[in-house]
Amino acid sequence: MPLPSYRLAGHQVVKVYAVIDIANAARVGQDLDRVLADCPRGSSVVVDLRAPLLTAAGLDVLEHAHETALRHGLALRVTTRHALVRKVLRITGAEHLLDVHRDLRAVSTHA
């Protein structure tokens, strides 16, 4: 089943409920690639991470999505309410690559 995706306040939001790990990374990456390919140039795509954990496979998926978004002329943003996920993004330096926000409201006020 593909990741749920919808429009909200000018952003295409993709909800990711599961922990992205080695077992599902390829499928999640393909779903994100499809969403990114369908968005018009100049659009904003928000990956809304709902799981309380971010693995190395999840980081790889997000970094690949960021590169794909750049190639398509899109802005990629990531939201997560979970402190551990934000900590992983900070420690790995991925927060400097990805536009990370606490929630969808923060994305809307930042955009």
C-alpha atoms as a PDB file:
ATOM      1  CA  MET A   1       0.000   0.000   0.000  1.00  0.00           C
ATOM      2  CA  PRO A   2       1.484   3.401  -0.980  1.00  0.00           C
ATOM      3  CA  LEU A   3       2.218   6.073   1.596  1.00  0.00           C
ATOM      4  CA  PRO A   4      -0.721   8.406   2.263  1.00  0.00           C
ATOM      5  CA  SER A   5      -0.277  11.757   0.534  1.00  0.00           C
ATOM      6  CA  TYR A   6      -2.444  14.877   0.407  1.00  0.00           C
ATOM      7  CA  ARG A   7      -2.324  18.654  -0.200  1.00  0.00           C
ATOM      8  CA  LEU A   8      -2.288  21.010   2.785  1.00  0.00           C
ATOM      9  CA  ALA A   9      -1.699  24.765   2.761  1.00  0.00           C
ATOM     10  CA  GLY A  10       0.230  24.647  -0.500  1.00  0.00           C
ATOM     11  CA  HIS A  11       2.369  21.620   0.435  1.00  0.00           C
ATOM     12  CA  GLN A  12       2.192  18.026  -0.709  1.00  0.00           C
ATOM     13  CA  VAL A  13       2.335  16.074   2.551  1.00  0.00           C
ATOM     14  CA  VAL A  14       3.470  12.447   2.690  1.00  0.00           C
ATOM     15  CA  LYS A  15       2.795  10.610   5.949  1.00  0.00           C
ATOM     16  CA  VAL A  16       5.291   7.945   7.020  1.00  0.00           C
ATOM     17  CA  TYR A  17       3.896   6.019   9.990  1.00  0.00           C
ATOM     18  CA  ALA A  18       6.346   3.109  10.086  1.00  0.00           C
ATOM     19  CA  VAL A  19       9.978   3.132  11.084  1.00  0.00           C
ATOM     20  CA  ILE A  20      11.933   3.188   7.824  1.00  0.00           C
ATOM     21  CA  ASP A  21      14.303   0.232   8.046  1.00  0.00           C
ATOM     22  CA  ILE A  22      16.096  -2.170   5.766  1.00  0.00           C
ATOM     23  CA  ALA A  23      12.898  -4.199   5.275  1.00  0.00           C
ATOM     24  CA  ASN A  24      10.804  -1.326   3.884  1.00  0.00           C
ATOM     25  CA  ALA A  25      13.335   1.305   2.752  1.00  0.00           C
ATOM     26  CA  ALA A  26      13.083   0.415  -0.941  1.00  0.00           C
ATOM     27  CA  ARG A  27       9.277   0.652  -0.937  1.00  0.00           C
ATOM     28  CA  VAL A  28       9.227   3.913   1.017  1.00  0.00           C
ATOM     29  CA  GLY A  29      11.870   5.347  -1.310  1.00  0.00           C
ATOM     30  CA  GLN A  30       9.855   4.337  -4.375  1.00  0.00           C
ATOM     31  CA  ASP A  31       6.698   5.882  -2.926  1.00  0.00           C
ATOM     32  CA  LEU A  32       8.535   9.140  -2.219  1.00  0.00           C
ATOM     33  CA  ASP A  33      10.042   9.102  -5.726  1.00  0.00           C
ATOM     34  CA  ARG A  34       6.524   8.767  -7.212  1.00  0.00           C
ATOM     35  CA  VAL A  35       5.181  11.676  -5.170  1.00  0.00           C
ATOM     36  CA  LEU A  36       8.166  13.843  -6.083  1.00  0.00           C
ATOM     37  CA  ALA A  37       7.840  12.993  -9.779  1.00  0.00           C
ATOM     38  CA  ASP A  38       4.149  13.974  -9.763  1.00  0.00           C
ATOM     39  CA  CYS A  39       4.676  17.408  -8.173  1.00  0.00           C
ATOM     40  CA  PRO A  40       5.064  20.491 -10.373  1.00  0.00           C
ATOM     41  CA  ARG A  41       8.386  22.320 -10.327  1.00  0.00           C
ATOM     42  CA  GLY A  42       8.583  24.825  -7.472  1.00  0.00           C
ATOM     43  CA  SER A  43       6.309  22.795  -5.197  1.00  0.00           C
ATOM     44  CA  SER A  44       6.968  21.973  -1.568  1.00  0.00           C
ATOM     45  CA  VAL A  45       6.859  18.364  -0.372  1.00  0.00           C
ATOM     46  CA  VAL A  46       6.722  17.550   3.341  1.00  0.00           C
ATOM     47  CA  VAL A  47       7.716  14.119   4.619  1.00  0.00           C
ATOM     48  CA  ASP A  48       5.824  13.817   7.908  1.00  0.00           C
ATOM     49  CA  LEU A  49       7.670  11.210   9.967  1.00  0.00           C
ATOM     50  CA  ARG A  50       5.347   9.719  12.594  1.00  0.00           C
ATOM     51  CA  ALA A  51       7.574   6.904  13.919  1.00  0.00           C
ATOM     52  CA  PRO A  52       9.601   7.539  17.094  1.00  0.00           C
ATOM     53  CA  LEU A  53      12.824   6.165  15.572  1.00  0.00           C
ATOM     54  CA  LEU A  54      14.985   6.930  12.549  1.00  0.00           C
ATOM     55  CA  THR A  55      17.402   4.272  11.313  1.00  0.00           C
ATOM     56  CA  ALA A  56      20.372   4.518   8.962  1.00  0.00           C
ATOM     57  CA  ALA A  57      18.115   3.154   6.212  1.00  0.00           C
ATOM     58  CA  GLY A  58      15.647   5.939   6.951  1.00  0.00           C
ATOM     59  CA  LEU A  59      18.395   8.542   6.696  1.00  0.00           C
ATOM     60  CA  ASP A  60      19.435   7.116   3.331  1.00  0.00           C
ATOM     61  CA  VAL A  61      15.837   7.301   2.073  1.00  0.00           C
ATOM     62  CA  LEU A  62      15.490  10.934   3.185  1.00  0.00           C
ATOM     63  CA  GLU A  63      18.825  11.946   1.656  1.00  0.00           C
ATOM     64  CA  HIS A  64      17.876  10.268  -1.629  1.00  0.00           C
ATOM     65  CA  ALA A  65      14.493  12.040  -1.555  1.00  0.00           C
ATOM     66  CA  HIS A  66      16.296  15.344  -0.985  1.00  0.00           C
ATOM     67  CA  GLU A  67      18.524  14.756  -4.046  1.00  0.00           C
ATOM     68  CA  THR A  68      15.500  13.755  -6.131  1.00  0.00           C
ATOM     69  CA  ALA A  69      13.595  16.848  -5.001  1.00  0.00           C
ATOM     70  CA  LEU A  70      16.490  19.086  -6.027  1.00  0.00           C
ATOM     71  CA  ARG A  71      16.621  17.467  -9.488  1.00  0.00           C
ATOM     72  CA  HIS A  72      12.871  18.108  -9.892  1.00  0.00           C
ATOM     73  CA  GLY A  73      13.085  21.706  -8.656  1.00  0.00           C
ATOM     74  CA  LEU A  74      11.158  20.959  -5.466  1.00  0.00           C
ATOM     75  CA  ALA A  75      11.601  21.952  -1.836  1.00  0.00           C
ATOM     76  CA  LEU A  76      11.707  18.960   0.510  1.00  0.00           C
ATOM     77  CA  ARG A  77      10.872  19.421   4.165  1.00  0.00           C
ATOM     78  CA  VAL A  78      10.738  16.903   7.003  1.00  0.00           C
ATOM     79  CA  THR A  79       8.550  17.037  10.099  1.00  0.00           C
ATOM     80  CA  THR A  80       8.793  14.982  13.253  1.00  0.00           C
ATOM     81  CA  ARG A  81       7.466  15.494  16.759  1.00  0.00           C
ATOM     82  CA  HIS A  82       9.869  12.926  18.180  1.00  0.00           C
ATOM     83  CA  ALA A  83      12.930  14.265  19.984  1.00  0.00           C
ATOM     84  CA  LEU A  84      14.940  11.103  19.259  1.00  0.00           C
ATOM     85  CA  VAL A  85      14.401  11.472  15.505  1.00  0.00           C
ATOM     86  CA  ARG A  86      15.432  15.150  15.646  1.00  0.00           C
ATOM     87  CA  LYS A  87      18.489  14.130  17.672  1.00  0.00           C
ATOM     88  CA  VAL A  88      19.506  11.556  15.045  1.00  0.00           C
ATOM     89  CA  LEU A  89      19.085  14.193  12.323  1.00  0.00           C
ATOM     90  CA  ARG A  90      21.206  16.636  14.334  1.00  0.00           C
ATOM     91  CA  ILE A  91      23.986  14.190  15.291  1.00  0.00           C
ATOM     92  CA  THR A  92      24.355  12.879  11.738  1.00  0.00           C
ATOM     93  CA  GLY A  93      24.346  16.388  10.275  1.00  0.00           C
ATOM     94  CA  ALA A  94      21.294  15.572   8.172  1.00  0.00           C
ATOM     95  CA  GLU A  95      19.425  18.519   9.715  1.00  0.00           C
ATOM     96  CA  HIS A  96      21.746  20.769   7.675  1.00  0.00           C
ATOM     97  CA  LEU A  97      20.727  18.996   4.465  1.00  0.00           C
ATOM     98  CA  LEU A  98      17.037  18.541   5.239  1.00  0.00           C
ATOM     99  CA  ASP A  99      14.677  21.341   6.195  1.00  0.00           C
ATOM    100  CA  VAL A 100      13.484  19.858   9.507  1.00  0.00           C
ATOM    101  CA  HIS A 101      10.475  21.130  11.478  1.00  0.00           C
ATOM    102  CA  ARG A 102       8.621  19.956  14.583  1.00  0.00           C
ATOM    103  CA  ASP A 103       5.203  19.800  12.866  1.00  0.00           C
ATOM    104  CA  LEU A 104       3.162  20.865   9.841  1.00  0.00           C
ATOM    105  CA  ARG A 105       2.221  24.181  11.435  1.00  0.00           C
ATOM    106  CA  ALA A 106       5.915  25.079  11.756  1.00  0.00           C
ATOM    107  CA  VAL A 107       6.429  24.308   8.054  1.00  0.00           C
ATOM    108  CA  SER A 108       3.561  26.610   7.110  1.00  0.00           C
ATOM    109  CA  THR A 109       4.879  29.507   9.180  1.00  0.00           C
ATOM    110  CA  HIS A 110       8.419  28.989   7.856  1.00  0.00           C
ATOM    111  CA  ALA A 111       7.461  28.781   4.160  1.00  0.00           C
END
